C-alpha atoms as a PDB file:
ATOM      1  CA  MET A   1     -33.110 -98.263  96.223  1.00  0.00           C
ATOM      2  CA  ASN A   2     -35.914 -96.301  94.585  1.00  0.00           C
ATOM      3  CA  HIS A   3     -35.749 -92.618  95.463  1.00  0.00           C
ATOM      4  CA  ASP A   4     -38.965 -91.424  93.838  1.00  0.00           C
ATOM      5  CA  ILE A   5     -41.471 -89.171  95.589  1.00  0.00           C
ATOM      6  CA  LEU A   6     -45.042 -89.471  94.396  1.00  0.00           C
ATOM      7  CA  VAL A   7     -46.666 -86.150  93.495  1.00  0.00           C
ATOM      8  CA  LEU A   8     -50.335 -87.088  93.352  1.00  0.00           C
ATOM      9  CA  TYR A   9     -53.095 -84.657  92.442  1.00  0.00           C
ATOM     10  CA  TYR A  10     -56.497 -84.002  90.983  1.00  0.00           C
ATOM     11  CA  SER A  11     -56.847 -80.919  88.803  1.00  0.00           C
ATOM     12  CA  ARG A  12     -59.911 -79.907  86.808  1.00  0.00           C
ATOM     13  CA  THR A  13     -58.783 -76.536  85.414  1.00  0.00           C
ATOM     14  CA  GLY A  14     -55.011 -76.986  85.580  1.00  0.00           C
ATOM     15  CA  HIS A  15     -54.163 -74.786  88.576  1.00  0.00           C
ATOM     16  CA  THR A  16     -53.464 -77.645  90.980  1.00  0.00           C
ATOM     17  CA  ALA A  17     -51.453 -79.359  88.238  1.00  0.00           C
ATOM     18  CA  GLN A  18     -49.268 -76.238  87.980  1.00  0.00           C
ATOM     19  CA  LEU A  19     -48.576 -76.412  91.707  1.00  0.00           C
ATOM     20  CA  ALA A  20     -47.774 -80.117  91.359  1.00  0.00           C
ATOM     21  CA  ARG A  21     -45.156 -79.354  88.715  1.00  0.00           C
ATOM     22  CA  LEU A  22     -43.575 -76.660  90.905  1.00  0.00           C
ATOM     23  CA  ILE A  23     -43.419 -79.032  93.869  1.00  0.00           C
ATOM     24  CA  ALA A  24     -41.900 -81.672  91.585  1.00  0.00           C
ATOM     25  CA  ARG A  25     -39.260 -79.130  90.537  1.00  0.00           C
ATOM     26  CA  GLY A  26     -38.418 -78.493  94.186  1.00  0.00           C
ATOM     27  CA  ILE A  27     -38.197 -82.230  94.846  1.00  0.00           C
ATOM     28  CA  GLU A  28     -35.721 -82.688  92.026  1.00  0.00           C
ATOM     29  CA  GLU A  29     -33.516 -79.887  93.368  1.00  0.00           C
ATOM     30  CA  VAL A  30     -32.477 -82.381  96.072  1.00  0.00           C
ATOM     31  CA  PRO A  31     -29.689 -84.626  94.724  1.00  0.00           C
ATOM     32  CA  GLY A  32     -30.665 -88.226  94.103  1.00  0.00           C
ATOM     33  CA  ILE A  33     -34.439 -87.692  94.422  1.00  0.00           C
ATOM     34  CA  ARG A  34     -36.925 -87.826  91.562  1.00  0.00           C
ATOM     35  CA  ALA A  35     -40.554 -86.730  91.365  1.00  0.00           C
ATOM     36  CA  ARG A  36     -43.134 -89.160  90.027  1.00  0.00           C
ATOM     37  CA  LEU A  37     -46.132 -87.113  88.821  1.00  0.00           C
ATOM     38  CA  ARG A  38     -49.470 -88.923  88.852  1.00  0.00           C
ATOM     39  CA  GLN A  39     -53.104 -87.841  88.812  1.00  0.00           C
ATOM     40  CA  VAL A  40     -56.329 -89.471  89.927  1.00  0.00           C
ATOM     41  CA  PRO A  41     -59.046 -89.994  87.309  1.00  0.00           C
ATOM     42  CA  PRO A  42     -62.290 -88.040  87.512  1.00  0.00           C
ATOM     43  CA  VAL A  43     -65.403 -89.655  88.931  1.00  0.00           C
ATOM     44  CA  ALA A  44     -68.875 -89.407  87.434  1.00  0.00           C
ATOM     45  CA  PRO A  45     -72.443 -90.254  88.503  1.00  0.00           C
ATOM     46  CA  VAL A  46     -72.433 -93.020  85.879  1.00  0.00           C
ATOM     47  CA  THR A  47     -69.901 -95.292  87.514  1.00  0.00           C
ATOM     48  CA  GLU A  48     -70.350 -98.074  84.966  1.00  0.00           C
ATOM     49  CA  THR A  49     -68.437 -96.008  82.398  1.00  0.00           C
ATOM     50  CA  ALA A  50     -64.771 -96.988  82.592  1.00  0.00           C
ATOM     51  CA  GLN A  51     -62.073 -94.357  82.367  1.00  0.00           C
ATOM     52  CA  PRO A  52     -59.482 -94.729  79.630  1.00  0.00           C
ATOM     53  CA  PRO A  53     -56.232 -96.328  80.830  1.00  0.00           C
ATOM     54  CA  GLU A  54     -54.342 -93.069  80.211  1.00  0.00           C
ATOM     55  CA  PRO A  55     -55.581 -89.483  80.489  1.00  0.00           C
ATOM     56  CA  GLU A  56     -55.742 -87.347  77.375  1.00  0.00           C
ATOM     57  CA  ASP A  57     -53.281 -84.875  78.896  1.00  0.00           C
ATOM     58  CA  GLY A  58     -51.166 -84.396  81.994  1.00  0.00           C
ATOM     59  CA  ALA A  59     -49.549 -87.042  84.164  1.00  0.00           C
ATOM     60  CA  PRO A  60     -50.490 -90.739  83.980  1.00  0.00           C
ATOM     61  CA  TYR A  61     -53.180 -92.058  86.311  1.00  0.00           C
ATOM     62  CA  VAL A  62     -51.944 -93.288  89.677  1.00  0.00           C
ATOM     63  CA  GLU A  63     -51.617 -96.989  90.428  1.00  0.00           C
ATOM     64  CA  LYS A  64     -51.440 -98.555  93.880  1.00  0.00           C
ATOM     65  CA  ARG A  65     -47.862 -99.667  93.237  1.00  0.00           C
ATOM     66  CA  ASP A  66     -46.867 -95.980  93.109  1.00  0.00           C
ATOM     67  CA  LEU A  67     -47.684 -95.765  96.821  1.00  0.00           C
ATOM     68  CA  LEU A  68     -45.504 -98.775  97.545  1.00  0.00           C
ATOM     69  CA  GLU A  69     -42.561 -97.772  95.374  1.00  0.00           C
ATOM     70  CA  CYS A  70     -42.191 -94.144  96.481  1.00  0.00           C
ATOM     71  CA  ILE A  71     -40.402 -92.912  99.605  1.00  0.00           C
ATOM     72  CA  GLY A  72     -42.679 -89.906 100.137  1.00  0.00           C
ATOM     73  CA  LEU A  73     -45.910 -88.310  98.967  1.00  0.00           C
ATOM     74  CA  ALA A  74     -47.005 -84.815  97.960  1.00  0.00           C
ATOM     75  CA  MET A  75     -50.785 -84.740  97.496  1.00  0.00           C
ATOM     76  CA  GLY A  76     -52.946 -81.960  96.100  1.00  0.00           C
ATOM     77  CA  SER A  77     -56.524 -81.073  95.236  1.00  0.00           C
ATOM     78  CA  PRO A  78     -58.606 -78.016  94.480  1.00  0.00           C
ATOM     79  CA  THR A  79     -60.980 -77.155  97.293  1.00  0.00           C
ATOM     80  CA  ARG A  80     -64.620 -78.238  97.213  1.00  0.00           C
ATOM     81  CA  PHE A  81     -66.552 -76.467  99.974  1.00  0.00           C
ATOM     82  CA  GLY A  82     -63.479 -76.526 102.203  1.00  0.00           C
ATOM     83  CA  ASN A  83     -62.707 -80.150 101.465  1.00  0.00           C
ATOM     84  CA  MET A  84     -60.745 -82.192  98.930  1.00  0.00           C
ATOM     85  CA  ALA A  85     -62.350 -82.945  95.568  1.00  0.00           C
ATOM     86  CA  ALA A  86     -64.340 -86.174  95.216  1.00  0.00           C
ATOM     87  CA  PRO A  87     -61.907 -87.925  92.815  1.00  0.00           C
ATOM     88  CA  LEU A  88     -59.048 -87.716  95.323  1.00  0.00           C
ATOM     89  CA  LYS A  89     -61.287 -88.839  98.185  1.00  0.00           C
ATOM     90  CA  TYR A  90     -62.523 -91.726  96.022  1.00  0.00           C
ATOM     91  CA  PHE A  91     -58.954 -92.864  95.436  1.00  0.00           C
ATOM     92  CA  LEU A  92     -58.018 -92.572  99.113  1.00  0.00           C
ATOM     93  CA  ASP A  93     -61.125 -94.546 100.079  1.00  0.00           C
ATOM     94  CA  SER A  94     -59.807 -97.399  97.913  1.00  0.00           C
ATOM     95  CA  THR A  95     -56.515 -97.722  99.827  1.00  0.00           C
ATOM     96  CA  GLY A  96     -57.755-100.003 102.598  1.00  0.00           C
ATOM     97  CA  ALA A  97     -55.354-102.802 101.639  1.00  0.00           C
ATOM     98  CA  GLU A  98     -52.428-100.378 101.714  1.00  0.00           C
ATOM     99  CA  TRP A  99     -53.568 -99.167 105.143  1.00  0.00           C
ATOM    100  CA  ALA A 100     -53.774-102.753 106.431  1.00  0.00           C
ATOM    101  CA  ASN A 101     -50.327-103.580 105.033  1.00  0.00           C
ATOM    102  CA  GLY A 102     -48.685-100.406 106.358  1.00  0.00           C
ATOM    103  CA  THR A 103     -47.548 -99.360 102.889  1.00  0.00           C
ATOM    104  CA  LEU A 104     -47.248 -95.678 103.830  1.00  0.00           C
ATOM    105  CA  VAL A 105     -46.263 -95.974 107.486  1.00  0.00           C
ATOM    106  CA  GLY A 106     -43.304 -93.762 108.357  1.00  0.00           C
ATOM    107  CA  LYS A 107     -43.110 -92.059 104.959  1.00  0.00           C
ATOM    108  CA  PRO A 108     -43.203 -88.235 104.841  1.00  0.00           C
ATOM    109  CA  ALA A 109     -46.055 -86.373 103.169  1.00  0.00           C
ATOM    110  CA  ALA A 110     -46.896 -82.804 102.179  1.00  0.00           C
ATOM    111  CA  LEU A 111     -50.055 -81.169 100.847  1.00  0.00           C
ATOM    112  CA  PHE A 112     -51.110 -78.516  98.342  1.00  0.00           C
ATOM    113  CA  THR A 113     -54.333 -76.934  97.086  1.00  0.00           C
ATOM    114  CA  SER A 114     -55.859 -74.156  94.990  1.00  0.00           C
ATOM    115  CA  THR A 115     -58.971 -72.023  95.476  1.00  0.00           C
ATOM    116  CA  SER A 116     -60.696 -69.293  93.533  1.00  0.00           C
ATOM    117  CA  SER A 117     -60.875 -66.903  96.487  1.00  0.00           C
ATOM    118  CA  MET A 118     -58.505 -65.922  99.278  1.00  0.00           C
ATOM    119  CA  HIS A 119     -60.808 -67.315 101.982  1.00  0.00           C
ATOM    120  CA  GLY A 120     -62.170 -70.192  99.927  1.00  0.00           C
ATOM    121  CA  GLY A 121     -61.155 -72.986 102.279  1.00  0.00           C
ATOM    122  CA  GLN A 122     -57.464 -73.504 101.556  1.00  0.00           C
ATOM    123  CA  GLU A 123     -56.432 -74.391 105.089  1.00  0.00           C
ATOM    124  CA  SER A 124     -59.443 -76.607 105.800  1.00  0.00           C
ATOM    125  CA  THR A 125     -58.848 -78.456 102.524  1.00  0.00           C
ATOM    126  CA  LEU A 126     -55.225 -79.090 103.461  1.00  0.00           C
ATOM    127  CA  LEU A 127     -56.308 -80.324 106.893  1.00  0.00           C
ATOM    128  CA  THR A 128     -58.939 -82.678 105.479  1.00  0.00           C
ATOM    129  CA  MET A 129     -56.342 -84.169 103.149  1.00  0.00           C
ATOM    130  CA  ALA A 130     -54.065 -84.676 106.160  1.00  0.00           C
ATOM    131  CA  LEU A 131     -56.551 -86.864 108.036  1.00  0.00           C
ATOM    132  CA  PRO A 132     -56.400 -90.005 105.857  1.00  0.00           C
ATOM    133  CA  LEU A 133     -52.617 -89.703 105.672  1.00  0.00           C
ATOM    134  CA  LEU A 134     -52.444 -89.685 109.463  1.00  0.00           C
ATOM    135  CA  HIS A 135     -54.528 -92.874 109.463  1.00  0.00           C
ATOM    136  CA  HIS A 136     -51.951 -94.326 107.063  1.00  0.00           C
ATOM    137  CA  GLY A 137     -49.201 -93.519 109.561  1.00  0.00           C
ATOM    138  CA  MET A 138     -47.489 -90.903 107.413  1.00  0.00           C
ATOM    139  CA  LEU A 139     -45.293 -88.105 108.796  1.00  0.00           C
ATOM    140  CA  LEU A 140     -46.819 -84.760 107.787  1.00  0.00           C
ATOM    141  CA  LEU A 141     -44.657 -81.799 106.807  1.00  0.00           C
ATOM    142  CA  GLY A 142     -45.746 -78.210 106.490  1.00  0.00           C
ATOM    143  CA  LEU A 143     -44.034 -74.948 105.639  1.00  0.00           C
ATOM    144  CA  PRO A 144     -42.117 -73.311 108.497  1.00  0.00           C
ATOM    145  CA  TYR A 145     -42.041 -69.545 108.918  1.00  0.00           C
ATOM    146  CA  THR A 146     -38.306 -69.649 108.237  1.00  0.00           C
ATOM    147  CA  GLU A 147     -39.524 -69.527 104.627  1.00  0.00           C
ATOM    148  CA  ALA A 148     -39.626 -65.744 104.188  1.00  0.00           C
ATOM    149  CA  ALA A 149     -42.359 -65.889 101.542  1.00  0.00           C
ATOM    150  CA  LEU A 150     -44.774 -67.340 104.102  1.00  0.00           C
ATOM    151  CA  SER A 151     -44.769 -64.069 106.021  1.00  0.00           C
ATOM    152  CA  SER A 152     -44.840 -61.906 102.886  1.00  0.00           C
ATOM    153  CA  THR A 153     -47.387 -63.603 100.639  1.00  0.00           C
ATOM    154  CA  GLN A 154     -50.541 -61.665  99.758  1.00  0.00           C
ATOM    155  CA  THR A 155     -52.041 -64.639  97.913  1.00  0.00           C
ATOM    156  CA  GLY A 156     -51.543 -68.353  98.614  1.00  0.00           C
ATOM    157  CA  GLY A 157     -49.164 -70.190 100.918  1.00  0.00           C
ATOM    158  CA  THR A 158     -49.924 -71.550 104.386  1.00  0.00           C
ATOM    159  CA  PRO A 159     -48.014 -73.347 107.138  1.00  0.00           C
ATOM    160  CA  TYR A 160     -50.180 -76.398 106.315  1.00  0.00           C
ATOM    161  CA  GLY A 161     -48.934 -76.617 102.733  1.00  0.00           C
ATOM    162  CA  ALA A 162     -48.518 -74.856  99.408  1.00  0.00           C
ATOM    163  CA  SER A 163     -51.497 -73.112  97.819  1.00  0.00           C
ATOM    164  CA  HIS A 164     -52.601 -70.849  94.979  1.00  0.00           C
ATOM    165  CA  VAL A 165     -55.437 -68.309  94.704  1.00  0.00           C
ATOM    166  CA  THR A 166     -56.728 -68.584  91.131  1.00  0.00           C
ATOM    167  CA  GLY A 167     -59.226 -65.705  91.184  1.00  0.00           C
ATOM    168  CA  GLY A 168     -62.944 -65.839  90.450  1.00  0.00           C
ATOM    169  CA  LYS A 169     -62.359 -66.357  86.734  1.00  0.00           C
ATOM    170  CA  GLY A 170     -59.351 -68.612  87.247  1.00  0.00           C
ATOM    171  CA  ASP A 171     -57.017 -66.203  85.525  1.00  0.00           C
ATOM    172  CA  ASN A 172     -54.580 -65.297  88.329  1.00  0.00           C
ATOM    173  CA  PRO A 173     -51.071 -66.468  87.473  1.00  0.00           C
ATOM    174  CA  ILE A 174     -49.119 -68.198  90.212  1.00  0.00           C
ATOM    175  CA  SER A 175     -47.424 -65.444  92.220  1.00  0.00           C
ATOM    176  CA  ASP A 176     -43.710 -65.378  92.976  1.00  0.00           C
ATOM    177  CA  HIS A 177     -44.429 -66.152  96.638  1.00  0.00           C
ATOM    178  CA  GLU A 178     -46.714 -69.078  95.756  1.00  0.00           C
ATOM    179  CA  ARG A 179     -44.049 -70.393  93.373  1.00  0.00           C
ATOM    180  CA  ASP A 180     -41.288 -70.065  95.978  1.00  0.00           C
ATOM    181  CA  LEU A 181     -43.336 -71.816  98.649  1.00  0.00           C
ATOM    182  CA  ALA A 182     -44.332 -74.702  96.372  1.00  0.00           C
ATOM    183  CA  ARG A 183     -40.710 -75.353  95.458  1.00  0.00           C
ATOM    184  CA  ALA A 184     -39.638 -74.989  99.110  1.00  0.00           C
ATOM    185  CA  LEU A 185     -42.233 -77.575 100.129  1.00  0.00           C
ATOM    186  CA  GLY A 186     -40.936 -79.965  97.489  1.00  0.00           C
ATOM    187  CA  ARG A 187     -37.359 -79.514  98.675  1.00  0.00           C
ATOM    188  CA  ARG A 188     -38.314 -80.007 102.320  1.00  0.00           C
ATOM    189  CA  LEU A 189     -40.239 -83.177 101.502  1.00  0.00           C
ATOM    190  CA  ALA A 190     -37.419 -84.593  99.380  1.00  0.00           C
ATOM    191  CA  ASP A 191     -34.733 -83.779 101.947  1.00  0.00           C
ATOM    192  CA  THR A 192     -36.747 -85.402 104.731  1.00  0.00           C
ATOM    193  CA  ALA A 193     -37.548 -88.474 102.624  1.00  0.00           C
ATOM    194  CA  ARG A 194     -33.876 -88.894 101.705  1.00  0.00           C
ATOM    195  CA  LYS A 195     -32.797 -88.748 105.358  1.00  0.00           C
ATOM    196  CA  LEU A 196     -35.479 -91.223 106.431  1.00  0.00           C
ATOM    197  CA  ALA A 197     -34.645 -93.634 103.617  1.00  0.00           C
ATOM    198  CA  ALA A 198     -30.936 -93.490 104.483  1.00  0.00           C
ATOM    199  CA  SER A 199     -31.620 -94.335 108.135  1.00  0.00           C
ATOM    200  CA  ALA A 200     -33.995 -97.225 107.394  1.00  0.00           C
END
């Protein structure tokens, strides 16, 4: 049985990609579970221009079979006016066949985001990413307050998912609390996915 968890993200400046790698590290701290890092390609006003089959850097582009083959999903995006970025929304809008076939039904999911400011829409972005996953029948996981860093963080980290505050110039490093919470979210997702897969 495949025990991969898809870590899917869009990242323009690299901050969301950093969170994705931390979540992947947490996933792989659970025995027998692997993280499969994938990104969505950018979108442009000129839609006739095809994207290259592989990105110049970072994880490979996602394929629909990744959704089928993985036992869980961690999904992340930077915030755009309190919402997910267009490339991730574009990909989700293309998953109608997977919705009809129940590809993601019963699989666990977790969310992550990054913003430039503390009140830049982290929680609303996480919630908007949750909506299509609920339509897909996924089981959403957040971060419980038993994670001590959730009560102590002065930067990112929410009960709705992992997050990072990049700063206005994008030069804030990921804080220790943000790092701890991202890895904790990955572990929680992987542990839940393993239990669900074993009981199926």
